[in-house]
C-alpha atoms as a PDB file:
ATOM      1  CA  MET A   1      40.702 -43.750  48.549  1.00  0.00           C
ATOM      2  CA  LEU A   2      37.726 -42.477  46.530  1.00  0.00           C
ATOM      3  CA  GLU A   3      37.808 -39.032  44.991  1.00  0.00           C
ATOM      4  CA  GLU A   4      34.971 -36.553  45.481  1.00  0.00           C
ATOM      5  CA  GLY A   5      31.962 -37.570  43.433  1.00  0.00           C
ATOM      6  CA  GLN A   6      33.394 -41.003  42.633  1.00  0.00           C
ATOM      7  CA  GLU A   7      31.123 -43.982  43.281  1.00  0.00           C
ATOM      8  CA  CYS A   8      32.412 -47.056  45.051  1.00  0.00           C
ATOM      9  CA  GLU A   9      32.211 -50.460  43.379  1.00  0.00           C
ATOM     10  CA  PHE A  10      29.324 -51.484  45.631  1.00  0.00           C
ATOM     11  CA  SER A  11      27.221 -48.475  44.565  1.00  0.00           C
ATOM     12  CA  GLN A  12      28.001 -49.078  40.909  1.00  0.00           C
ATOM     13  CA  ARG A  13      26.940 -52.724  41.144  1.00  0.00           C
ATOM     14  CA  ARG A  14      23.837 -51.842  43.178  1.00  0.00           C
ATOM     15  CA  ASN A  15      22.623 -49.374  40.531  1.00  0.00           C
ATOM     16  CA  ARG A  16      22.797 -51.992  37.760  1.00  0.00           C
ATOM     17  CA  ALA A  17      19.956 -54.410  37.144  1.00  0.00           C
ATOM     18  CA  ASP A  18      22.440 -57.276  36.823  1.00  0.00           C
ATOM     19  CA  GLY A  19      24.865 -55.982  39.453  1.00  0.00           C
ATOM     20  CA  PHE A  20      24.462 -58.854  41.924  1.00  0.00           C
ATOM     21  CA  ASP A  21      23.798 -62.547  41.500  1.00  0.00           C
ATOM     22  CA  GLU A  22      21.518 -63.743  44.290  1.00  0.00           C
ATOM     23  CA  GLU A  23      22.643 -67.356  43.976  1.00  0.00           C
ATOM     24  CA  SER A  24      26.260 -66.314  44.527  1.00  0.00           C
ATOM     25  CA  ILE A  25      25.195 -64.238  47.531  1.00  0.00           C
ATOM     26  CA  ALA A  26      23.329 -67.171  49.066  1.00  0.00           C
ATOM     27  CA  GLN A  27      26.262 -69.514  48.463  1.00  0.00           C
ATOM     28  CA  LEU A  28      28.651 -67.166  50.297  1.00  0.00           C
ATOM     29  CA  LEU A  29      26.429 -65.930  53.127  1.00  0.00           C
ATOM     30  CA  CYS A  30      24.450 -69.080  53.972  1.00  0.00           C
ATOM     31  CA  ILE A  31      25.451 -72.328  55.605  1.00  0.00           C
ATOM     32  CA  PRO A  32      25.247 -75.384  53.302  1.00  0.00           C
ATOM     33  CA  GLY A  33      21.692 -76.320  52.405  1.00  0.00           C
ATOM     34  CA  GLN A  34      20.202 -72.905  53.209  1.00  0.00           C
ATOM     35  CA  ASP A  35      19.019 -70.126  50.898  1.00  0.00           C
ATOM     36  CA  PHE A  36      17.079 -66.862  50.703  1.00  0.00           C
ATOM     37  CA  ALA A  37      13.527 -66.708  51.978  1.00  0.00           C
ATOM     38  CA  ARG A  38      11.412 -66.088  48.886  1.00  0.00           C
ATOM     39  CA  THR A  39       7.963 -64.884  47.976  1.00  0.00           C
ATOM     40  CA  ALA A  40       5.360 -67.122  46.382  1.00  0.00           C
ATOM     41  CA  ALA A  41       6.505 -65.784  43.013  1.00  0.00           C
ATOM     42  CA  GLY A  42      10.097 -66.843  43.762  1.00  0.00           C
ATOM     43  CA  ARG A  43      11.532 -63.364  44.399  1.00  0.00           C
ATOM     44  CA  TRP A  44      14.487 -63.217  46.795  1.00  0.00           C
ATOM     45  CA  VAL A  45      13.527 -61.322  49.956  1.00  0.00           C
ATOM     46  CA  ARG A  46      15.861 -61.929  52.906  1.00  0.00           C
ATOM     47  CA  ILE A  47      18.219 -64.388  54.592  1.00  0.00           C
ATOM     48  CA  MET A  48      17.205 -65.546  58.054  1.00  0.00           C
ATOM     49  CA  ARG A  49      19.837 -65.392  60.797  1.00  0.00           C
ATOM     50  CA  THR A  50      19.499 -69.137  61.382  1.00  0.00           C
ATOM     51  CA  SER A  51      20.628 -69.685  57.777  1.00  0.00           C
ATOM     52  CA  MET A  52      23.774 -67.524  57.991  1.00  0.00           C
ATOM     53  CA  THR A  53      27.383 -68.537  58.484  1.00  0.00           C
ATOM     54  CA  THR A  54      29.287 -67.284  61.520  1.00  0.00           C
ATOM     55  CA  LEU A  55      31.184 -64.720  59.451  1.00  0.00           C
ATOM     56  CA  THR A  56      27.943 -63.373  57.951  1.00  0.00           C
ATOM     57  CA  GLN A  57      26.398 -63.006  61.407  1.00  0.00           C
ATOM     58  CA  MET A  58      29.489 -61.135  62.638  1.00  0.00           C
ATOM     59  CA  TRP A  59      29.263 -58.591  59.818  1.00  0.00           C
ATOM     60  CA  MET A  60      25.498 -58.359  60.249  1.00  0.00           C
ATOM     61  CA  THR A  61      25.968 -57.512  63.945  1.00  0.00           C
ATOM     62  CA  LEU A  62      28.551 -54.857  63.123  1.00  0.00           C
ATOM     63  CA  LEU A  63      26.451 -53.232  60.387  1.00  0.00           C
ATOM     64  CA  LEU A  64      23.180 -53.208  62.333  1.00  0.00           C
ATOM     65  CA  SER A  65      24.919 -51.792  65.416  1.00  0.00           C
ATOM     66  CA  ASN A  66      27.192 -49.141  63.906  1.00  0.00           C
ATOM     67  CA  VAL A  67      26.363 -48.391  60.270  1.00  0.00           C
ATOM     68  CA  LEU A  68      22.726 -49.165  59.398  1.00  0.00           C
ATOM     69  CA  PRO A  69      20.796 -49.485  62.692  1.00  0.00           C
ATOM     70  CA  SER A  70      17.743 -51.716  62.761  1.00  0.00           C
ATOM     71  CA  ASP A  71      15.193 -52.536  65.447  1.00  0.00           C
ATOM     72  CA  HIS A  72      15.569 -56.279  64.828  1.00  0.00           C
ATOM     73  CA  ASN A  73      18.343 -58.646  63.796  1.00  0.00           C
ATOM     74  CA  SER A  74      16.529 -61.886  63.044  1.00  0.00           C
ATOM     75  CA  ASP A  75      17.109 -61.550  59.305  1.00  0.00           C
ATOM     76  CA  LEU A  76      18.922 -59.499  56.687  1.00  0.00           C
ATOM     77  CA  PRO A  77      16.944 -58.068  53.727  1.00  0.00           C
ATOM     78  CA  LEU A  78      18.304 -58.374  50.207  1.00  0.00           C
ATOM     79  CA  PRO A  79      19.932 -54.881  49.955  1.00  0.00           C
ATOM     80  CA  LYS A  80      21.914 -55.450  53.149  1.00  0.00           C
ATOM     81  CA  CYS A  81      22.798 -58.973  51.998  1.00  0.00           C
ATOM     82  CA  GLN A  82      24.312 -57.337  48.914  1.00  0.00           C
ATOM     83  CA  LEU A  83      26.344 -55.037  51.193  1.00  0.00           C
ATOM     84  CA  VAL A  84      27.712 -57.940  53.255  1.00  0.00           C
ATOM     85  CA  TYR A  85      28.511 -59.806  50.025  1.00  0.00           C
ATOM     86  CA  ALA A  86      30.389 -56.752  48.737  1.00  0.00           C
ATOM     87  CA  ILE A  87      32.434 -56.575  51.950  1.00  0.00           C
ATOM     88  CA  LEU A  88      33.292 -60.279  51.948  1.00  0.00           C
ATOM     89  CA  THR A  89      34.334 -60.166  48.289  1.00  0.00           C
ATOM     90  CA  ARG A  90      36.472 -57.073  49.030  1.00  0.00           C
ATOM     91  CA  MET A  91      34.617 -54.595  46.837  1.00  0.00           C
ATOM     92  CA  SER A  92      35.188 -50.917  47.603  1.00  0.00           C
ATOM     93  CA  VAL A  93      32.388 -49.592  49.867  1.00  0.00           C
ATOM     94  CA  HIS A  94      31.840 -45.880  50.626  1.00  0.00           C
ATOM     95  CA  VAL A  95      30.700 -46.302  54.254  1.00  0.00           C
ATOM     96  CA  THR A  96      30.525 -42.557  54.965  1.00  0.00           C
ATOM     97  CA  GLN A  97      27.984 -42.247  52.145  1.00  0.00           C
ATOM     98  CA  LEU A  98      25.899 -45.204  53.301  1.00  0.00           C
ATOM     99  CA  ILE A  99      25.111 -43.566  56.654  1.00  0.00           C
ATOM    100  CA  PRO A 100      23.691 -40.237  55.347  1.00  0.00           C
ATOM    101  CA  ASP A 101      21.788 -42.113  52.633  1.00  0.00           C
ATOM    102  CA  ALA A 102      20.170 -44.280  55.308  1.00  0.00           C
ATOM    103  CA  ILE A 103      19.372 -41.206  57.440  1.00  0.00           C
ATOM    104  CA  TYR A 104      17.750 -39.506  54.426  1.00  0.00           C
ATOM    105  CA  LEU A 105      15.559 -42.544  53.715  1.00  0.00           C
ATOM    106  CA  PHE A 106      14.641 -42.927  57.364  1.00  0.00           C
ATOM    107  CA  ALA A 107      13.675 -39.246  57.735  1.00  0.00           C
ATOM    108  CA  GLY A 108      11.451 -39.422  54.659  1.00  0.00           C
ATOM    109  CA  MET A 109       9.467 -42.449  55.818  1.00  0.00           C
ATOM    110  CA  PRO A 110       5.959 -41.703  57.155  1.00  0.00           C
ATOM    111  CA  PRO A 111       5.520 -42.553  60.838  1.00  0.00           C
ATOM    112  CA  THR A 112       3.823 -45.800  61.783  1.00  0.00           C
ATOM    113  CA  ARG A 113       1.124 -45.042  64.332  1.00  0.00           C
ATOM    114  CA  HIS A 114       0.548 -47.195  67.397  1.00  0.00           C
ATOM    115  CA  SER A 115      -2.558 -49.342  67.076  1.00  0.00           C
ATOM    116  CA  LEU A 116      -3.889 -48.342  70.522  1.00  0.00           C
ATOM    117  CA  ASP A 117      -2.602 -44.762  70.780  1.00  0.00           C
ATOM    118  CA  PRO A 118      -2.592 -42.905  67.420  1.00  0.00           C
ATOM    119  CA  ASP A 119      -0.579 -40.040  68.937  1.00  0.00           C
ATOM    120  CA  LYS A 120       2.410 -42.345  69.425  1.00  0.00           C
ATOM    121  CA  SER A 121       4.698 -43.717  66.767  1.00  0.00           C
ATOM    122  CA  ASN A 122       5.206 -47.462  66.591  1.00  0.00           C
ATOM    123  CA  ARG A 123       8.625 -47.157  64.928  1.00  0.00           C
ATOM    124  CA  ALA A 124      11.925 -47.468  66.789  1.00  0.00           C
ATOM    125  CA  LEU A 125      14.227 -44.450  66.969  1.00  0.00           C
ATOM    126  CA  GLY A 126      16.780 -44.463  64.171  1.00  0.00           C
ATOM    127  CA  PHE A 127      20.514 -43.959  64.765  1.00  0.00           C
ATOM    128  CA  PRO A 128      20.313 -43.643  68.577  1.00  0.00           C
ATOM    129  CA  ALA A 129      24.102 -43.811  69.027  1.00  0.00           C
ATOM    130  CA  LEU A 130      24.624 -40.980  66.523  1.00  0.00           C
ATOM    131  CA  ILE A 131      21.960 -38.823  68.200  1.00  0.00           C
ATOM    132  CA  THR A 132      23.323 -39.314  71.726  1.00  0.00           C
ATOM    133  CA  GLY A 133      26.873 -38.799  70.458  1.00  0.00           C
ATOM    134  CA  LEU A 134      25.946 -35.435  68.916  1.00  0.00           C
ATOM    135  CA  PHE A 135      24.228 -34.370  72.138  1.00  0.00           C
ATOM    136  CA  GLN A 136      27.289 -35.330  74.171  1.00  0.00           C
ATOM    137  CA  SER A 137      29.617 -33.436  71.812  1.00  0.00           C
ATOM    138  CA  PHE A 138      27.652 -30.241  72.594  1.00  0.00           C
ATOM    139  CA  GLY A 139      27.876 -30.811  76.345  1.00  0.00           C
ATOM    140  CA  VAL A 140      24.341 -32.135  76.879  1.00  0.00           C
ATOM    141  CA  PRO A 141      24.337 -34.761  79.670  1.00  0.00           C
ATOM    142  CA  VAL A 142      23.127 -38.116  78.376  1.00  0.00           C
ATOM    143  CA  THR A 143      21.902 -40.955  80.564  1.00  0.00           C
ATOM    144  CA  PRO A 144      21.540 -44.121  78.452  1.00  0.00           C
ATOM    145  CA  SER A 145      18.248 -45.898  79.089  1.00  0.00           C
ATOM    146  CA  LYS A 146      19.498 -49.109  77.516  1.00  0.00           C
ATOM    147  CA  VAL A 147      22.699 -51.002  78.233  1.00  0.00           C
ATOM    148  CA  ILE A 148      25.077 -51.002  75.271  1.00  0.00           C
ATOM    149  CA  ARG A 149      25.814 -54.490  73.982  1.00  0.00           C
ATOM    150  CA  PRO A 150      29.233 -55.956  74.846  1.00  0.00           C
ATOM    151  CA  PRO A 151      32.184 -55.750  72.418  1.00  0.00           C
ATOM    152  CA  ILE A 152      32.355 -58.299  69.602  1.00  0.00           C
ATOM    153  CA  THR A 153      34.839 -60.787  71.059  1.00  0.00           C
ATOM    154  CA  TRP A 154      35.384 -64.533  70.648  1.00  0.00           C
ATOM    155  CA  ALA A 155      32.981 -65.155  73.543  1.00  0.00           C
ATOM    156  CA  PHE A 156      30.336 -62.936  71.884  1.00  0.00           C
ATOM    157  CA  ILE A 157      30.810 -64.728  68.563  1.00  0.00           C
ATOM    158  CA  GLU A 158      30.482 -68.188  70.107  1.00  0.00           C
ATOM    159  CA  LYS A 159      27.294 -67.154  71.947  1.00  0.00           C
ATOM    160  CA  TYR A 160      25.488 -65.052  69.353  1.00  0.00           C
ATOM    161  CA  CYS A 161      27.043 -65.655  65.913  1.00  0.00           C
ATOM    162  CA  THR A 162      27.281 -69.435  65.541  1.00  0.00           C
ATOM    163  CA  PRO A 163      24.750 -71.082  63.201  1.00  0.00           C
ATOM    164  CA  ARG A 164      21.776 -72.554  65.008  1.00  0.00           C
ATOM    165  CA  LEU A 165      18.956 -74.638  63.630  1.00  0.00           C
ATOM    166  CA  ALA A 166      15.495 -73.147  63.464  1.00  0.00           C
ATOM    167  CA  GLN A 167      12.868 -74.744  65.707  1.00  0.00           C
ATOM    168  CA  GLY A 168      11.265 -76.454  62.752  1.00  0.00           C
ATOM    169  CA  ASP A 169      14.516 -78.241  61.945  1.00  0.00           C
ATOM    170  CA  ALA A 170      15.399 -79.200  65.524  1.00  0.00           C
ATOM    171  CA  SER A 171      13.256 -82.350  65.738  1.00  0.00           C
ATOM    172  CA  GLN A 172      14.485 -83.555  62.357  1.00  0.00           C
ATOM    173  CA  ALA A 173      18.118 -83.003  63.335  1.00  0.00           C
ATOM    174  CA  ALA A 174      17.596 -84.828  66.628  1.00  0.00           C
ATOM    175  CA  ASP A 175      16.646 -87.999  64.758  1.00  0.00           C
ATOM    176  CA  THR A 176      19.802 -87.898  62.642  1.00  0.00           C
ATOM    177  CA  PRO A 177      22.895 -89.318  64.382  1.00  0.00           C
ATOM    178  CA  PRO A 178      26.017 -87.177  64.038  1.00  0.00           C
ATOM    179  CA  PRO A 179      28.858 -88.469  61.841  1.00  0.00           C
ATOM    180  CA  PRO A 180      31.528 -90.442  63.752  1.00  0.00           C
ATOM    181  CA  HIS A 181      34.491 -88.553  65.250  1.00  0.00           C
ATOM    182  CA  GLN A 182      32.883 -85.171  64.557  1.00  0.00           C
ATOM    183  CA  ALA A 183      32.500 -82.440  67.136  1.00  0.00           C
ATOM    184  CA  ASP A 184      29.311 -80.400  67.414  1.00  0.00           C
ATOM    185  CA  PRO A 185      29.616 -77.988  64.445  1.00  0.00           C
ATOM    186  CA  ALA A 186      26.753 -75.742  65.589  1.00  0.00           C
ATOM    187  CA  GLY A 187      28.242 -74.719  68.908  1.00  0.00           C
ATOM    188  CA  SER A 188      32.010 -75.057  68.674  1.00  0.00           C
ATOM    189  CA  PHE A 189      33.012 -75.013  65.006  1.00  0.00           C
ATOM    190  CA  GLY A 190      34.976 -71.747  65.075  1.00  0.00           C
ATOM    191  CA  MET A 191      36.606 -72.131  68.482  1.00  0.00           C
ATOM    192  CA  GLU A 192      37.560 -75.777  67.946  1.00  0.00           C
ATOM    193  CA  ARG A 193      39.351 -74.920  64.700  1.00  0.00           C
ATOM    194  CA  TYR A 194      41.083 -71.996  66.397  1.00  0.00           C
ATOM    195  CA  LEU A 195      42.321 -74.202  69.266  1.00  0.00           C
ATOM    196  CA  GLN A 196      43.591 -76.824  66.816  1.00  0.00           C
ATOM    197  CA  HIS A 197      45.538 -74.081  65.091  1.00  0.00           C
ATOM    198  CA  LEU A 198      47.113 -73.074  68.424  1.00  0.00           C
ATOM    199  CA  VAL A 199      48.087 -76.690  69.124  1.00  0.00           C
ATOM    200  CA  ARG A 200      49.862 -76.920  65.767  1.00  0.00           C
ATOM    201  CA  GLN A 201      51.606 -73.607  66.391  1.00  0.00           C
ATOM    202  CA  GLN A 202      52.889 -74.814  69.761  1.00  0.00           C
ATOM    203  CA  ALA A 203      54.183 -78.043  68.211  1.00  0.00           C
ATOM    204  CA  ALA A 204      55.990 -76.095  65.481  1.00  0.00           C
ATOM    205  CA  ASN A 205      57.473 -73.684  68.040  1.00  0.00           C
ATOM    206  CA  HIS A 206      58.786 -76.595  70.115  1.00  0.00           C
ATOM    207  CA  LYS A 207      60.406 -78.179  67.084  1.00  0.00           C
ATOM    208  CA  GLY A 208      62.143 -74.879  66.320  1.00  0.00           C
ATOM    209  CA  GLN A 209      63.398 -74.570  69.896  1.00  0.00           C
ATOM    210  CA  VAL A 210      64.833 -78.087  69.801  1.00  0.00           C
ATOM    211  CA  GLN A 211      66.665 -77.342  66.547  1.00  0.00           C
ATOM    212  CA  ILE A 212      68.061 -74.067  67.904  1.00  0.00           C
ATOM    213  CA  HIS A 213      69.336 -75.817  71.030  1.00  0.00           C
ATOM    214  CA  GLU A 214      70.918 -78.568  68.949  1.00  0.00           C
ATOM    215  CA  CYS A 215      72.819 -75.936  66.923  1.00  0.00           C
ATOM    216  CA  LEU A 216      74.037 -74.170  70.060  1.00  0.00           C
ATOM    217  CA  TYR A 217      75.090 -77.462  71.643  1.00  0.00           C
ATOM    218  CA  GLN A 218      77.089 -78.489  68.566  1.00  0.00           C
ATOM    219  CA  LEU A 219      78.708 -75.029  68.500  1.00  0.00           C
ATOM    220  CA  SER A 220      79.800 -75.374  72.144  1.00  0.00           C
ATOM    221  CA  ILE A 221      81.395 -78.793  71.369  1.00  0.00           C
ATOM    222  CA  SER A 222      83.156 -77.351  68.326  1.00  0.00           C
ATOM    223  CA  GLN A 223      84.608 -74.457  70.338  1.00  0.00           C
ATOM    224  CA  LYS A 224      85.830 -76.845  73.008  1.00  0.00           C
ATOM    225  CA  CYS A 225      87.608 -79.002  70.382  1.00  0.00           C
ATOM    226  CA  GLN A 226      89.313 -75.916  68.906  1.00  0.00           C
ATOM    227  CA  GLY A 227      90.694 -74.872  72.279  1.00  0.00           C
ATOM    228  CA  PHE A 228      88.324 -71.990  72.933  1.00  0.00           C
ATOM    229  CA  ALA A 229      86.553 -71.574  76.236  1.00  0.00           C
ATOM    230  CA  PRO A 230      83.120 -73.139  75.581  1.00  0.00           C
ATOM    231  CA  PHE A 231      79.988 -71.349  76.662  1.00  0.00           C
ATOM    232  CA  VAL A 232      77.617 -73.166  78.970  1.00  0.00           C
ATOM    233  CA  CYS A 233      75.065 -75.140  77.000  1.00  0.00           C
ATOM    234  CA  PRO A 234      72.975 -77.997  78.417  1.00  0.00           C
ATOM    235  CA  THR A 235      73.103 -81.379  76.776  1.00  0.00           C
ATOM    236  CA  PRO A 236      70.041 -82.540  74.830  1.00  0.00           C
ATOM    237  CA  ASP A 237      68.958 -84.710  77.773  1.00  0.00           C
ATOM    238  CA  GLN A 238      69.314 -81.775  80.165  1.00  0.00           C
ATOM    239  CA  PHE A 239      67.367 -79.531  77.767  1.00  0.00           C
ATOM    240  CA  ARG A 240      64.471 -82.033  77.512  1.00  0.00           C
ATOM    241  CA  ALA A 241      64.408 -82.411  81.299  1.00  0.00           C
ATOM    242  CA  GLU A 242      64.308 -78.627  81.759  1.00  0.00           C
ATOM    243  CA  VAL A 243      61.599 -77.989  79.160  1.00  0.00           C
ATOM    244  CA  SER A 244      59.393 -80.919  80.260  1.00  0.00           C
ATOM    245  CA  TRP A 245      57.575 -81.018  76.921  1.00  0.00           C
ATOM    246  CA  PRO A 246      54.303 -82.952  77.527  1.00  0.00           C
ATOM    247  CA  GLY A 247      54.305 -84.446  74.051  1.00  0.00           C
ATOM    248  CA  ASP A 248      52.527 -83.577  70.815  1.00  0.00           C
ATOM    249  CA  TRP A 249      48.784 -83.672  70.394  1.00  0.00           C
ATOM    250  CA  PRO A 250      47.909 -86.779  68.339  1.00  0.00           C
ATOM    251  CA  GLU A 251      46.463 -84.847  65.380  1.00  0.00           C
ATOM    252  CA  ALA A 252      49.306 -82.285  65.261  1.00  0.00           C
ATOM    253  CA  GLN A 253      52.632 -84.119  65.419  1.00  0.00           C
ATOM    254  CA  VAL A 254      55.734 -81.951  65.170  1.00  0.00           C
ATOM    255  CA  GLY A 255      56.571 -81.254  61.543  1.00  0.00           C
ATOM    256  CA  GLU A 256      53.368 -82.777  60.188  1.00  0.00           C
ATOM    257  CA  ALA A 257      50.861 -80.535  58.470  1.00  0.00           C
ATOM    258  CA  PRO A 258      47.197 -81.448  59.005  1.00  0.00           C
ATOM    259  CA  ALA A 259      45.505 -83.158  56.101  1.00  0.00           C
ATOM    260  CA  GLU A 260      43.536 -80.645  54.109  1.00  0.00           C
ATOM    261  CA  GLY A 261      40.137 -81.821  52.941  1.00  0.00           C
ATOM    262  CA  PRO A 262      38.240 -80.668  49.871  1.00  0.00           C
ATOM    263  CA  GLY A 263      37.143 -77.498  51.681  1.00  0.00           C
ATOM    264  CA  GLY A 264      40.567 -76.670  53.119  1.00  0.00           C
ATOM    265  CA  ALA A 265      41.180 -73.673  50.880  1.00  0.00           C
ATOM    266  CA  GLU A 266      37.742 -72.276  51.640  1.00  0.00           C
ATOM    267  CA  GLU A 267      38.271 -72.726  55.396  1.00  0.00           C
ATOM    268  CA  ALA A 268      41.636 -70.967  55.146  1.00  0.00           C
ATOM    269  CA  ARG A 269      40.002 -68.049  53.359  1.00  0.00           C
ATOM    270  CA  MET A 270      37.305 -67.816  56.039  1.00  0.00           C
ATOM    271  CA  ASP A 271      39.951 -67.920  58.771  1.00  0.00           C
ATOM    272  CA  GLU A 272      41.781 -65.034  57.113  1.00  0.00           C
ATOM    273  CA  GLU A 273      38.608 -62.964  56.739  1.00  0.00           C
ATOM    274  CA  MET A 274      37.580 -63.631  60.350  1.00  0.00           C
ATOM    275  CA  THR A 275      41.023 -62.581  61.574  1.00  0.00           C
ATOM    276  CA  ASP A 276      40.801 -59.383  59.501  1.00  0.00           C
ATOM    277  CA  LEU A 277      37.363 -58.628  60.942  1.00  0.00           C
ATOM    278  CA  LEU A 278      38.454 -59.187  64.536  1.00  0.00           C
ATOM    279  CA  GLY A 279      41.477 -56.964  63.965  1.00  0.00           C
ATOM    280  CA  PHE A 280      39.220 -54.260  62.526  1.00  0.00           C
ATOM    281  CA  LEU A 281      36.814 -54.505  65.481  1.00  0.00           C
ATOM    282  CA  GLU A 282      39.631 -54.324  68.018  1.00  0.00           C
ATOM    283  CA  GLY A 283      41.165 -51.318  66.270  1.00  0.00           C
ATOM    284  CA  SER A 284      37.901 -49.385  65.904  1.00  0.00           C
ATOM    285  CA  GLY A 285      36.409 -50.257  69.307  1.00  0.00           C
ATOM    286  CA  ALA A 286      33.133 -51.321  67.688  1.00  0.00           C
ATOM    287  CA  THR A 287      30.419 -52.703  69.890  1.00  0.00           C
END
């Protein structure tokens, strides 16, 4: 919890000339082989959506929908890339200060006139959800003219937040055969890993149930040998017949941990951050 007048770590880093390292930002936010879009002089400008990881696109969607509204989401400029980097590296971020700062900057920007009708502004309305929410809080009836986007769920993530190749890279990728025994990483990377995790959980749960039953069965035999009235406990064969376990999935045998490749620790960290984000979205009702 920040005290009044205290700057968060993100603001402190942002106000320093050497506060952020763009190469580190690109390494964390981009998929392998991708980088910032740069000017002819080599200055970092923005990261295109097609270059972002799934986790980066999830945070980008949340920020551009609820914190720093934007009229497009095809890329993320450098200042907002720094914000996403700060969140993913668990820096302290004063969100309630970011919103009024953005409103102040937006209100001070000169209007962009329409090319055909100078009396009309060509700029999108800023903070529409905040404006309509304030109107509603004072009892003004509001009829939304645009359908609010659906909640950020697994289905939303798979459809809108999975890395996709830009059109210029599509023909080149089509000529390159995929590696053997590898699923399509562009469309099902997150969900496939999640389902594999569920399979391993189920196998571990079954192993635990078998061990618990074995203990209870041995206890019933012991009580019977000592002259006590034994409780009813099925034999191991009866237990297997009742459970009808279909067998373990080949890559997740009971008691065997999956082999962890060179990027296993990084994937585990991403899984943890994605779980934290989904829990935050479910708790806050963000859309």
